[in-house]
Each structure stands twice: as structure tokens, then as C-alpha cells.
PDB file of N, CA and C in Angstrom:
ATOM      1  N   UNK A   1      18.414  25.672  38.353  1.00  0.00           N
ATOM      2  CA  UNK A   1      17.759  24.709  37.288  1.00  0.00           C
ATOM      3  C   UNK A   1      17.839  23.557  36.910  1.00  0.00           C
ATOM      4  N   UNK A   2      17.155  23.341  36.055  1.00  0.00           N
ATOM      5  CA  UNK A   2      17.014  21.602  35.323  1.00  0.00           C
ATOM      6  C   UNK A   2      17.708  22.235  34.080  1.00  0.00           C
ATOM      7  N   UNK A   3      18.079  23.360  33.322  1.00  0.00           N
ATOM      8  CA  UNK A   3      18.628  23.774  32.029  1.00  0.00           C
ATOM      9  C   UNK A   3      16.923  23.428  31.109  1.00  0.00           C
ATOM     10  N   UNK A   4      15.773  23.574  31.576  1.00  0.00           N
ATOM     11  CA  UNK A   4      14.687  24.372  31.204  1.00  0.00           C
ATOM     12  C   UNK A   4      13.842  22.687  30.811  1.00  0.00           C
ATOM     13  N   UNK A   5      14.383  22.044  31.520  1.00  0.00           N
ATOM     14  CA  UNK A   5      13.584  20.609  30.928  1.00  0.00           C
ATOM     15  C   UNK A   5      12.372  20.514  32.307  1.00  0.00           C
ATOM     16  N   UNK A   6      11.500  20.043  31.982  1.00  0.00           N
ATOM     17  CA  UNK A   6      10.338  19.931  33.029  1.00  0.00           C
ATOM     18  C   UNK A   6       9.383  18.714  32.708  1.00  0.00           C
ATOM     19  N   UNK A   7       8.970  18.437  33.911  1.00  0.00           N
ATOM     20  CA  UNK A   7       8.182  17.059  33.768  1.00  0.00           C
ATOM     21  C   UNK A   7       8.409  15.956  33.614  1.00  0.00           C
ATOM     22  N   UNK A   8       8.111  15.240  33.201  1.00  0.00           N
ATOM     23  CA  UNK A   8       8.894  13.338  32.944  1.00  0.00           C
ATOM     24  C   UNK A   8       9.736  13.113  31.947  1.00  0.00           C
ATOM     25  N   UNK A   9      10.320  14.765  31.411  1.00  0.00           N
ATOM     26  CA  UNK A   9      11.174  14.263  30.601  1.00  0.00           C
ATOM     27  C   UNK A   9      12.212  14.983  31.139  1.00  0.00           C
ATOM     28  N   UNK A  10      12.286  15.736  32.223  1.00  0.00           N
ATOM     29  CA  UNK A  10      13.771  16.121  33.036  1.00  0.00           C
ATOM     30  C   UNK A  10      14.682  16.179  32.862  1.00  0.00           C
ATOM     31  N   UNK A  11      14.580  14.865  32.803  1.00  0.00           N
ATOM     32  CA  UNK A  11      16.223  14.222  32.920  1.00  0.00           C
ATOM     33  C   UNK A  11      17.155  14.728  31.739  1.00  0.00           C
ATOM     34  N   UNK A  12      18.417  15.300  32.226  1.00  0.00           N
ATOM     35  CA  UNK A  12      19.272  15.560  31.173  1.00  0.00           C
ATOM     36  C   UNK A  12      19.769  14.265  30.115  1.00  0.00           C
ATOM     37  N   UNK A  13      19.364  13.084  30.429  1.00  0.00           N
ATOM     38  CA  UNK A  13      20.092  12.188  29.618  1.00  0.00           C
ATOM     39  C   UNK A  13      19.063  11.269  28.928  1.00  0.00           C
ATOM     40  N   UNK A  14      18.094  11.894  28.855  1.00  0.00           N
ATOM     41  CA  UNK A  14      16.807  11.226  28.387  1.00  0.00           C
ATOM     42  C   UNK A  14      15.758  10.594  28.983  1.00  0.00           C
ATOM     43  N   UNK A  15      14.759  10.305  28.198  1.00  0.00           N
ATOM     44  CA  UNK A  15      14.200   9.060  29.258  1.00  0.00           C
ATOM     45  C   UNK A  15      13.700   7.901  28.168  1.00  0.00           C
ATOM     46  N   UNK A  16      13.064   6.790  29.319  1.00  0.00           N
ATOM     47  CA  UNK A  16      12.804   5.983  28.709  1.00  0.00           C
ATOM     48  C   UNK A  16      11.763   5.537  27.949  1.00  0.00           C
ATOM     49  N   UNK A  17      11.095   4.487  27.593  1.00  0.00           N
ATOM     50  CA  UNK A  17       9.638   4.032  26.939  1.00  0.00           C
ATOM     51  C   UNK A  17       9.832   3.040  27.158  1.00  0.00           C
ATOM     52  N   UNK A  18       8.757   2.064  27.737  1.00  0.00           N
ATOM     53  CA  UNK A  18       8.141   0.343  27.403  1.00  0.00           C
ATOM     54  C   UNK A  18       7.426   0.661  26.038  1.00  0.00           C
ATOM     55  N   UNK A  19       7.850   0.251  24.715  1.00  0.00           N
ATOM     56  CA  UNK A  19       7.444   0.257  23.456  1.00  0.00           C
ATOM     57  C   UNK A  19       6.524  -1.227  23.531  1.00  0.00           C
ATOM     58  N   UNK A  20       5.255  -1.062  23.180  1.00  0.00           N
ATOM     59  CA  UNK A  20       4.650  -2.695  22.276  1.00  0.00           C
ATOM     60  C   UNK A  20       5.182  -2.138  20.848  1.00  0.00           C
ATOM     61  N   UNK A  21       4.926  -3.529  20.565  1.00  0.00           N
ATOM     62  CA  UNK A  21       4.723  -3.790  19.027  1.00  0.00           C
ATOM     63  C   UNK A  21       3.504  -4.608  18.451  1.00  0.00           C
ATOM     64  N   UNK A  22       2.704  -4.283  17.687  1.00  0.00           N
ATOM     65  CA  UNK A  22       2.052  -5.550  16.701  1.00  0.00           C
ATOM     66  C   UNK A  22       2.746  -5.516  15.477  1.00  0.00           C
ATOM     67  N   UNK A  23       2.757  -7.263  15.395  1.00  0.00           N
ATOM     68  CA  UNK A  23       2.775  -7.018  13.846  1.00  0.00           C
ATOM     69  C   UNK A  23       2.041  -7.914  12.688  1.00  0.00           C
ATOM     70  N   UNK A  24       1.164  -6.987  11.805  1.00  0.00           N
ATOM     71  CA  UNK A  24       0.589  -7.713  10.843  1.00  0.00           C
ATOM     72  C   UNK A  24       1.256  -8.402   9.864  1.00  0.00           C
ATOM     73  N   UNK A  25       0.890 -10.052   9.972  1.00  0.00           N
ATOM     74  CA  UNK A  25       1.148 -10.070   8.353  1.00  0.00           C
ATOM     75  C   UNK A  25       0.039 -10.917   7.966  1.00  0.00           C
ATOM     76  N   UNK A  26       0.301 -10.875   5.961  1.00  0.00           N
ATOM     77  CA  UNK A  26      -0.536 -11.379   5.390  1.00  0.00           C
ATOM     78  C   UNK A  26      -0.264 -12.444   4.849  1.00  0.00           C
ATOM     79  N   UNK A  27      -1.108 -13.290   4.818  1.00  0.00           N
ATOM     80  CA  UNK A  27      -0.637 -15.027   4.195  1.00  0.00           C
ATOM     81  C   UNK A  27      -1.599 -15.449   3.571  1.00  0.00           C
ATOM     82  N   UNK A  28      -1.357 -15.858   1.840  1.00  0.00           N
ATOM     83  CA  UNK A  28      -1.787 -16.470   1.449  1.00  0.00           C
ATOM     84  C   UNK A  28      -3.015 -17.076   0.964  1.00  0.00           C
ATOM     85  N   UNK A  29      -4.120 -17.136   0.486  1.00  0.00           N
ATOM     86  CA  UNK A  29      -5.318 -17.981   0.983  1.00  0.00           C
ATOM     87  C   UNK A  29      -5.232 -19.437   0.926  1.00  0.00           C
ATOM     88  N   UNK A  30      -3.875 -19.970   0.248  1.00  0.00           N
ATOM     89  CA  UNK A  30      -3.455 -21.302   0.360  1.00  0.00           C
ATOM     90  C   UNK A  30      -2.466 -21.814   1.235  1.00  0.00           C
ATOM     91  N   UNK A  31      -2.161 -21.201   2.390  1.00  0.00           N
ATOM     92  CA  UNK A  31      -1.286 -21.266   3.127  1.00  0.00           C
ATOM     93  C   UNK A  31      -1.840 -21.488   4.727  1.00  0.00           C
ATOM     94  N   UNK A  32      -1.092 -22.547   5.064  1.00  0.00           N
ATOM     95  CA  UNK A  32      -1.711 -23.248   5.882  1.00  0.00           C
ATOM     96  C   UNK A  32      -1.485 -22.526   7.599  1.00  0.00           C
ATOM     97  N   UNK A  33      -3.253 -22.635   7.900  1.00  0.00           N
ATOM     98  CA  UNK A  33      -3.532 -22.002   9.018  1.00  0.00           C
ATOM     99  C   UNK A  33      -2.570 -22.336  10.256  1.00  0.00           C
ATOM    100  N   UNK A  34      -1.799 -21.074  10.969  1.00  0.00           N
ATOM    101  CA  UNK A  34      -1.031 -21.231  12.227  1.00  0.00           C
ATOM    102  C   UNK A  34       0.193 -22.260  11.760  1.00  0.00           C
ATOM    103  N   UNK A  35       0.851 -22.165  10.504  1.00  0.00           N
ATOM    104  CA  UNK A  35       2.281 -22.601  10.555  1.00  0.00           C
ATOM    105  C   UNK A  35       3.339 -21.838  10.529  1.00  0.00           C
ATOM    106  N   UNK A  36       3.452 -20.831  10.694  1.00  0.00           N
ATOM    107  CA  UNK A  36       4.306 -19.927  10.833  1.00  0.00           C
ATOM    108  C   UNK A  36       4.552 -18.798  11.743  1.00  0.00           C
ATOM    109  N   UNK A  37       3.252 -19.560  12.900  1.00  0.00           N
ATOM    110  CA  UNK A  37       3.647 -18.240  14.050  1.00  0.00           C
ATOM    111  C   UNK A  37       4.924 -18.106  14.356  1.00  0.00           C
ATOM    112  N   UNK A  38       5.574 -19.520  14.570  1.00  0.00           N
ATOM    113  CA  UNK A  38       7.065 -19.285  15.254  1.00  0.00           C
ATOM    114  C   UNK A  38       8.207 -18.955  14.108  1.00  0.00           C
ATOM    115  N   UNK A  39       7.946 -19.005  13.163  1.00  0.00           N
ATOM    116  CA  UNK A  39       9.296 -18.417  12.170  1.00  0.00           C
ATOM    117  C   UNK A  39       8.567 -16.814  12.250  1.00  0.00           C
ATOM    118  N   UNK A  40       7.514 -16.111  12.321  1.00  0.00           N
ATOM    119  CA  UNK A  40       7.365 -15.259  12.708  1.00  0.00           C
ATOM    120  C   UNK A  40       7.491 -14.732  13.941  1.00  0.00           C
ATOM    121  N   UNK A  41       7.582 -15.283  14.942  1.00  0.00           N
ATOM    122  CA  UNK A  41       8.262 -14.570  16.215  1.00  0.00           C
ATOM    123  C   UNK A  41       9.529 -14.608  16.250  1.00  0.00           C
ATOM    124  N   UNK A  42      10.164 -15.499  15.848  1.00  0.00           N
ATOM    125  CA  UNK A  42      11.703 -15.520  15.480  1.00  0.00           C
ATOM    126  C   UNK A  42      12.651 -14.897  14.753  1.00  0.00           C
ATOM    127  N   UNK A  43      11.738 -13.807  13.597  1.00  0.00           N
ATOM    128  CA  UNK A  43      11.458 -13.051  12.721  1.00  0.00           C
ATOM    129  C   UNK A  43      11.486 -11.314  13.446  1.00  0.00           C
ATOM    130  N   UNK A  44      10.685 -11.468  14.426  1.00  0.00           N
ATOM    131  CA  UNK A  44      10.793 -10.277  15.232  1.00  0.00           C
ATOM    132  C   UNK A  44      11.608  -9.973  16.239  1.00  0.00           C
ATOM    133  N   UNK A  45      11.974 -11.582  16.859  1.00  0.00           N
ATOM    134  CA  UNK A  45      12.968 -11.292  17.777  1.00  0.00           C
ATOM    135  C   UNK A  45      14.166 -10.647  16.892  1.00  0.00           C
ATOM    136  N   UNK A  46      14.777 -11.167  15.575  1.00  0.00           N
ATOM    137  CA  UNK A  46      15.619 -11.588  15.626  1.00  0.00           C
ATOM    138  C   UNK A  46      15.854  -9.738  14.881  1.00  0.00           C
ATOM    139  N   UNK A  47      14.826  -9.129  14.028  1.00  0.00           N
ATOM    140  CA  UNK A  47      15.231  -7.716  12.817  1.00  0.00           C
ATOM    141  C   UNK A  47      14.752  -6.597  14.279  1.00  0.00           C
ATOM    142  N   UNK A  48      13.698  -7.155  15.121  1.00  0.00           N
ATOM    143  CA  UNK A  48      13.253  -5.749  16.056  1.00  0.00           C
ATOM    144  C   UNK A  48      13.950  -5.966  17.674  1.00  0.00           C
ATOM    145  N   UNK A  49      13.182  -7.148  18.586  1.00  0.00           N
ATOM    146  CA  UNK A  49      13.503  -7.196  19.866  1.00  0.00           C
ATOM    147  C   UNK A  49      15.236  -6.853  19.794  1.00  0.00           C
ATOM    148  N   UNK A  50      15.529  -7.963  19.527  1.00  0.00           N
ATOM    149  CA  UNK A  50      17.400  -8.035  20.130  1.00  0.00           C
ATOM    150  C   UNK A  50      17.795  -6.626  19.497  1.00  0.00           C
ATOM    151  N   UNK A  51      18.131  -6.431  18.639  1.00  0.00           N
ATOM    152  CA  UNK A  51      18.200  -4.841  18.023  1.00  0.00           C
ATOM    153  C   UNK A  51      18.412  -3.736  18.802  1.00  0.00           C
ATOM    154  N   UNK A  52      16.863  -3.524  19.196  1.00  0.00           N
ATOM    155  CA  UNK A  52      16.390  -2.683  19.868  1.00  0.00           C
ATOM    156  C   UNK A  52      15.883  -2.573  21.750  1.00  0.00           C
ATOM    157  N   UNK A  53      16.026  -3.589  22.239  1.00  0.00           N
ATOM    158  CA  UNK A  53      15.279  -3.576  23.279  1.00  0.00           C
ATOM    159  C   UNK A  53      16.157  -3.764  24.454  1.00  0.00           C
ATOM    160  N   UNK A  54      15.963  -2.174  25.610  1.00  0.00           N
ATOM    161  CA  UNK A  54      16.802  -1.875  26.247  1.00  0.00           C
ATOM    162  C   UNK A  54      17.519  -0.944  25.745  1.00  0.00           C
ATOM    163  N   UNK A  55      17.460  -0.468  24.820  1.00  0.00           N
ATOM    164  CA  UNK A  55      18.597   0.261  24.114  1.00  0.00           C
ATOM    165  C   UNK A  55      18.498   1.688  24.204  1.00  0.00           C
ATOM    166  N   UNK A  56      19.490   2.853  24.008  1.00  0.00           N
ATOM    167  CA  UNK A  56      18.971   4.422  24.079  1.00  0.00           C
ATOM    168  C   UNK A  56      19.373   4.272  22.556  1.00  0.00           C
ATOM    169  N   UNK A  57      18.166   4.671  21.839  1.00  0.00           N
ATOM    170  CA  UNK A  57      17.854   4.598  20.885  1.00  0.00           C
ATOM    171  C   UNK A  57      18.614   5.616  19.667  1.00  0.00           C
ATOM    172  N   UNK A  58      19.148   6.710  20.720  1.00  0.00           N
ATOM    173  CA  UNK A  58      19.744   7.938  19.635  1.00  0.00           C
ATOM    174  C   UNK A  58      21.269   7.346  20.448  1.00  0.00           C
ATOM    175  N   UNK A  59      21.743   6.853  21.116  1.00  0.00           N
ATOM    176  CA  UNK A  59      23.027   6.476  20.876  1.00  0.00           C
ATOM    177  C   UNK A  59      23.341   4.993  21.117  1.00  0.00           C
ATOM    178  N   UNK A  60      22.413   4.031  20.654  1.00  0.00           N
ATOM    179  CA  UNK A  60      22.602   2.694  20.329  1.00  0.00           C
ATOM    180  C   UNK A  60      22.555   1.959  19.364  1.00  0.00           C
ATOM    181  N   UNK A  61      21.787   2.602  18.597  1.00  0.00           N
ATOM    182  CA  UNK A  61      21.278   2.434  17.623  1.00  0.00           C
ATOM    183  C   UNK A  61      21.603   3.421  16.208  1.00  0.00           C
ATOM    184  N   UNK A  62      21.743   2.423  15.161  1.00  0.00           N
ATOM    185  CA  UNK A  62      22.344   3.313  13.876  1.00  0.00           C
ATOM    186  C   UNK A  62      21.259   4.093  13.290  1.00  0.00           C
ATOM    187  N   UNK A  63      20.004   3.458  13.193  1.00  0.00           N
ATOM    188  CA  UNK A  63      18.901   4.111  12.924  1.00  0.00           C
ATOM    189  C   UNK A  63      18.485   5.243  12.920  1.00  0.00           C
ATOM    190  N   UNK A  64      18.607   5.218  14.847  1.00  0.00           N
ATOM    191  CA  UNK A  64      18.504   6.965  15.120  1.00  0.00           C
ATOM    192  C   UNK A  64      19.671   7.478  15.679  1.00  0.00           C
ATOM    193  N   UNK A  65      20.550   7.255  15.025  1.00  0.00           N
ATOM    194  CA  UNK A  65      21.807   7.793  15.690  1.00  0.00           C
ATOM    195  C   UNK A  65      21.870   9.583  15.197  1.00  0.00           C
ATOM    196  N   UNK A  66      22.434  10.165  15.884  1.00  0.00           N
ATOM    197  CA  UNK A  66      22.502  11.617  15.315  1.00  0.00           C
ATOM    198  C   UNK A  66      23.299  11.856  14.114  1.00  0.00           C
ATOM    199  N   UNK A  67      23.881  11.209  13.502  1.00  0.00           N
ATOM    200  CA  UNK A  67      24.805  11.000  12.273  1.00  0.00           C
ATOM    201  C   UNK A  67      23.346  11.333  11.232  1.00  0.00           C
ATOM    202  N   UNK A  68      22.472   9.685  11.711  1.00  0.00           N
ATOM    203  CA  UNK A  68      21.549   9.594  10.574  1.00  0.00           C
ATOM    204  C   UNK A  68      20.242  10.442  10.681  1.00  0.00           C
ATOM    205  N   UNK A  69      19.912  11.050  11.993  1.00  0.00           N
ATOM    206  CA  UNK A  69      19.118  12.867  11.912  1.00  0.00           C
ATOM    207  C   UNK A  69      17.759  11.875  11.963  1.00  0.00           C
ATOM    208  N   UNK A  70      17.240  11.031  12.345  1.00  0.00           N
ATOM    209  CA  UNK A  70      15.748  10.381  12.575  1.00  0.00           C
ATOM    210  C   UNK A  70      15.793  10.903  13.606  1.00  0.00           C
ATOM    211  N   UNK A  71      14.587  11.248  14.322  1.00  0.00           N
ATOM    212  CA  UNK A  71      14.135  11.099  15.648  1.00  0.00           C
ATOM    213  C   UNK A  71      13.315   9.956  16.133  1.00  0.00           C
ATOM    214  N   UNK A  72      13.686   9.696  17.264  1.00  0.00           N
ATOM    215  CA  UNK A  72      12.787   8.329  17.371  1.00  0.00           C
ATOM    216  C   UNK A  72      11.190   8.742  17.668  1.00  0.00           C
ATOM    217  N   UNK A  73      10.763   9.198  17.163  1.00  0.00           N
ATOM    218  CA  UNK A  73       9.435   9.277  17.267  1.00  0.00           C
ATOM    219  C   UNK A  73       8.321   7.820  17.214  1.00  0.00           C
ATOM    220  N   UNK A  74       7.630   7.683  17.590  1.00  0.00           N
ATOM    221  CA  UNK A  74       6.880   6.403  17.284  1.00  0.00           C
ATOM    222  C   UNK A  74       6.405   6.598  15.934  1.00  0.00           C
ATOM    223  N   UNK A  75       6.223   7.604  15.263  1.00  0.00           N
ATOM    224  CA  UNK A  75       5.774   7.015  13.841  1.00  0.00           C
ATOM    225  C   UNK A  75       7.516   6.614  13.106  1.00  0.00           C
ATOM    226  N   UNK A  76       8.032   7.243  13.233  1.00  0.00           N
ATOM    227  CA  UNK A  76       9.355   6.779  12.745  1.00  0.00           C
ATOM    228  C   UNK A  76       9.565   5.369  13.250  1.00  0.00           C
ATOM    229  N   UNK A  77       9.523   5.194  14.339  1.00  0.00           N
ATOM    230  CA  UNK A  77       9.881   3.714  14.896  1.00  0.00           C
ATOM    231  C   UNK A  77       9.168   2.627  14.290  1.00  0.00           C
ATOM    232  N   UNK A  78       7.881   3.136  14.198  1.00  0.00           N
ATOM    233  CA  UNK A  78       6.679   2.270  13.643  1.00  0.00           C
ATOM    234  C   UNK A  78       7.476   1.885  11.940  1.00  0.00           C
ATOM    235  N   UNK A  79       8.133   3.243  11.220  1.00  0.00           N
ATOM    236  CA  UNK A  79       8.736   2.727  10.027  1.00  0.00           C
ATOM    237  C   UNK A  79       9.464   1.957  10.175  1.00  0.00           C
ATOM    238  N   UNK A  80      10.605   2.653  10.871  1.00  0.00           N
ATOM    239  CA  UNK A  80      12.210   1.548  10.688  1.00  0.00           C
ATOM    240  C   UNK A  80      11.410  -0.151  11.266  1.00  0.00           C
ATOM    241  N   UNK A  81      11.075  -0.297  11.653  1.00  0.00           N
ATOM    242  CA  UNK A  81      10.528  -1.737  12.158  1.00  0.00           C
ATOM    243  C   UNK A  81       9.962  -2.450  11.055  1.00  0.00           C
ATOM    244  N   UNK A  82       9.272  -1.054  10.371  1.00  0.00           N
ATOM    245  CA  UNK A  82       8.581  -2.367   9.077  1.00  0.00           C
ATOM    246  C   UNK A  82       9.439  -2.702   8.297  1.00  0.00           C
ATOM    247  N   UNK A  83      10.396  -1.523   8.041  1.00  0.00           N
ATOM    248  CA  UNK A  83      11.615  -1.742   7.075  1.00  0.00           C
ATOM    249  C   UNK A  83      12.763  -2.322   6.839  1.00  0.00           C
ATOM    250  N   UNK A  84      12.809  -2.706   8.549  1.00  0.00           N
ATOM    251  CA  UNK A  84      13.634  -3.890   9.142  1.00  0.00           C
ATOM    252  C   UNK A  84      13.268  -5.609   8.698  1.00  0.00           C
ATOM    253  N   UNK A  85      11.950  -5.817   8.947  1.00  0.00           N
ATOM    254  CA  UNK A  85      10.972  -6.602   9.231  1.00  0.00           C
ATOM    255  C   UNK A  85      10.478  -7.027   7.819  1.00  0.00           C
ATOM    256  N   UNK A  86      10.437  -6.515   6.956  1.00  0.00           N
ATOM    257  CA  UNK A  86       9.488  -6.942   6.067  1.00  0.00           C
ATOM    258  C   UNK A  86      10.299  -8.163   4.908  1.00  0.00           C
ATOM    259  N   UNK A  87      11.295  -7.819   4.575  1.00  0.00           N
ATOM    260  CA  UNK A  87      12.720  -8.924   3.571  1.00  0.00           C
ATOM    261  C   UNK A  87      12.307  -9.644   5.031  1.00  0.00           C
ATOM    262  N   UNK A  88      12.587  -9.374   6.043  1.00  0.00           N
ATOM    263  CA  UNK A  88      12.165 -10.524   7.015  1.00  0.00           C
ATOM    264  C   UNK A  88      11.867 -11.865   6.717  1.00  0.00           C
ATOM    265  N   UNK A  89      10.338 -10.935   6.888  1.00  0.00           N
ATOM    266  CA  UNK A  89       8.904 -11.959   6.433  1.00  0.00           C
ATOM    267  C   UNK A  89       9.062 -12.927   5.481  1.00  0.00           C
ATOM    268  N   UNK A  90       9.173 -11.560   4.677  1.00  0.00           N
ATOM    269  CA  UNK A  90       9.449 -12.694   2.987  1.00  0.00           C
ATOM    270  C   UNK A  90      10.110 -13.220   2.675  1.00  0.00           C
ATOM    271  N   UNK A  91      11.589 -13.288   3.521  1.00  0.00           N
ATOM    272  CA  UNK A  91      12.116 -14.891   3.220  1.00  0.00           C
ATOM    273  C   UNK A  91      11.691 -15.571   3.983  1.00  0.00           C
ATOM    274  N   UNK A  92      10.926 -15.839   4.511  1.00  0.00           N
ATOM    275  CA  UNK A  92      10.798 -16.849   5.806  1.00  0.00           C
ATOM    276  C   UNK A  92       9.435 -17.817   4.510  1.00  0.00           C
ATOM    277  N   UNK A  93       8.452 -17.162   3.553  1.00  0.00           N
ATOM    278  CA  UNK A  93       7.930 -17.750   2.807  1.00  0.00           C
ATOM    279  C   UNK A  93       7.284 -17.296   1.836  1.00  0.00           C
ATOM    280  N   UNK A  94       7.191 -17.312   0.756  1.00  0.00           N
ATOM    281  CA  UNK A  94       6.276 -16.560  -0.510  1.00  0.00           C
ATOM    282  C   UNK A  94       4.948 -16.101   0.147  1.00  0.00           C
ATOM    283  N   UNK A  95       4.587 -17.225   1.015  1.00  0.00           N
ATOM    284  CA  UNK A  95       3.045 -17.141   1.048  1.00  0.00           C
ATOM    285  C   UNK A  95       2.795 -15.952   2.090  1.00  0.00           C
ATOM    286  N   UNK A  96       3.866 -15.452   2.509  1.00  0.00           N
ATOM    287  CA  UNK A  96       3.705 -14.239   3.463  1.00  0.00           C
ATOM    288  C   UNK A  96       4.186 -12.686   2.817  1.00  0.00           C
ATOM    289  N   UNK A  97       3.606 -11.997   3.239  1.00  0.00           N
ATOM    290  CA  UNK A  97       4.245 -10.773   3.419  1.00  0.00           C
ATOM    291  C   UNK A  97       4.048  -9.559   4.584  1.00  0.00           C
ATOM    292  N   UNK A  98       4.863  -8.875   5.179  1.00  0.00           N
ATOM    293  CA  UNK A  98       4.318  -7.900   5.909  1.00  0.00           C
ATOM    294  C   UNK A  98       3.141  -7.038   5.674  1.00  0.00           C
ATOM    295  N   UNK A  99       2.629  -6.687   6.533  1.00  0.00           N
ATOM    296  CA  UNK A  99       1.062  -5.717   6.357  1.00  0.00           C
ATOM    297  C   UNK A  99       1.560  -4.620   6.669  1.00  0.00           C
ATOM    298  N   UNK A 100       1.450  -4.445   8.116  1.00  0.00           N
ATOM    299  CA  UNK A 100       2.113  -3.480   8.858  1.00  0.00           C
ATOM    300  C   UNK A 100       2.243  -3.790  10.356  1.00  0.00           C
ATOM    301  N   UNK A 101       3.151  -3.122  10.848  1.00  0.00           N
ATOM    302  CA  UNK A 101       3.705  -2.465  12.003  1.00  0.00           C
ATOM    303  C   UNK A 101       3.084  -1.681  12.619  1.00  0.00           C
ATOM    304  N   UNK A 102       2.338  -2.009  14.064  1.00  0.00           N
ATOM    305  CA  UNK A 102       2.376  -0.521  15.187  1.00  0.00           C
ATOM    306  C   UNK A 102       2.536  -0.638  16.377  1.00  0.00           C
ATOM    307  N   UNK A 103       3.305   0.379  16.414  1.00  0.00           N
ATOM    308  CA  UNK A 103       3.762   0.745  17.829  1.00  0.00           C
ATOM    309  C   UNK A 103       2.931   1.719  18.588  1.00  0.00           C
ATOM    310  N   UNK A 104       2.899   0.671  20.437  1.00  0.00           N
ATOM    311  CA  UNK A 104       2.583   1.578  21.014  1.00  0.00           C
ATOM    312  C   UNK A 104       3.432   2.798  21.719  1.00  0.00           C
ATOM    313  N   UNK A 105       3.772   3.640  22.217  1.00  0.00           N
ATOM    314  CA  UNK A 105       4.573   4.395  23.083  1.00  0.00           C
ATOM    315  C   UNK A 105       3.635   4.217  24.485  1.00  0.00           C
ATOM    316  N   UNK A 106       2.638   4.530  24.408  1.00  0.00           N
ATOM    317  CA  UNK A 106       2.035   4.576  25.665  1.00  0.00           C
ATOM    318  C   UNK A 106       0.702   3.963  25.478  1.00  0.00           C
ATOM    319  N   UNK A 107      -0.500   3.761  26.069  1.00  0.00           N
ATOM    320  CA  UNK A 107      -1.622   3.357  26.215  1.00  0.00           C
ATOM    321  C   UNK A 107      -2.583   4.591  25.170  1.00  0.00           C
ATOM    322  N   UNK A 108      -2.121   5.711  25.202  1.00  0.00           N
ATOM    323  CA  UNK A 108      -2.833   6.402  23.947  1.00  0.00           C
ATOM    324  C   UNK A 108      -2.099   6.772  22.826  1.00  0.00           C
ATOM    325  N   UNK A 109      -0.720   6.493  22.800  1.00  0.00           N
ATOM    326  CA  UNK A 109      -0.239   7.269  22.086  1.00  0.00           C
ATOM    327  C   UNK A 109       0.590   5.949  21.054  1.00  0.00           C
ATOM    328  N   UNK A 110       0.208   5.881  19.751  1.00  0.00           N
ATOM    329  CA  UNK A 110       0.562   4.677  18.768  1.00  0.00           C
ATOM    330  C   UNK A 110       0.742   5.355  17.473  1.00  0.00           C
ATOM    331  N   UNK A 111       1.515   4.452  16.394  1.00  0.00           N
ATOM    332  CA  UNK A 111       1.391   5.178  15.230  1.00  0.00           C
ATOM    333  C   UNK A 111       1.586   3.958  14.832  1.00  0.00           C
ATOM    334  N   UNK A 112       1.096   3.320  12.999  1.00  0.00           N
ATOM    335  CA  UNK A 112       0.941   2.416  12.332  1.00  0.00           C
ATOM    336  C   UNK A 112       1.648   2.444  11.032  1.00  0.00           C
ATOM    337  N   UNK A 113       2.646   1.947  10.557  1.00  0.00           N
ATOM    338  CA  UNK A 113       3.302   1.843   9.185  1.00  0.00           C
ATOM    339  C   UNK A 113       3.032   0.766   8.528  1.00  0.00           C
ATOM    340  N   UNK A 114       2.559   0.757   7.440  1.00  0.00           N
ATOM    341  CA  UNK A 114       2.093   1.591   7.016  1.00  0.00           C
ATOM    342  C   UNK A 114       1.105   2.134   7.271  1.00  0.00           C
ATOM    343  N   UNK A 115       0.437   3.536   7.197  1.00  0.00           N
ATOM    344  CA  UNK A 115      -1.096   3.932   7.877  1.00  0.00           C
ATOM    345  C   UNK A 115      -2.115   3.758   6.937  1.00  0.00           C
TER     346      UNK A 115
END
């Protein structure tokens, strides 16, 4: 047998996902519209995409390593991404703050932090 693993998750080394991430940023009312798009994209790239893209979350990232004990569920991924990105967004400008991060594991499975 395959060790009791069945279905799509029957790989003993684990299985992968192509997550999608949506970032919501709150801007002060007097912030110029459209002025922060590039800075936000760079912040997302640096804080989330580069450290996590094409990685085995349990083996390649400290947030989800076996030593930290955080299971990379879509809920926990959204929380970790929020916690990593919030200070970076806040440092871009005092006129903005991270309002939320939503992560999709599939078209029907997603989580938002904070909920």
C-alpha cells in the first residue's frame, strides 16, 4: 500500500498548492489615490512572495517548520502573511495600514486574516 494515504494527497513527501493572495490596504482619506501601488507590490513581493513562493512550507520556511509547530493551513498562512506584511506596509507610509490578507488554497477554499 501507500502507507494509508489516498487520493490527491497520496505523495509521502506531501503535496503542493498554488495559493492566491489578496492584500487589502486602508489609506487615509487625504492620501493621493493610486500613489502607493508600486510600493505595495514591492512590499508584498519582499514579505510574502520571495520567502514563500515555490517552497516546501514545512521544510523551507521557519514559520511552518516542525520546530515552530504551526500547521500550514490556509487560515495559518493568511495569519503569517498578515503578520509579516503589516509592519512593512506601515513603514511605506503613515497614510496606509494593512487591512487584511486573504489566501485561496483552491477556488472554493480560502481564509482571511483578520476575519
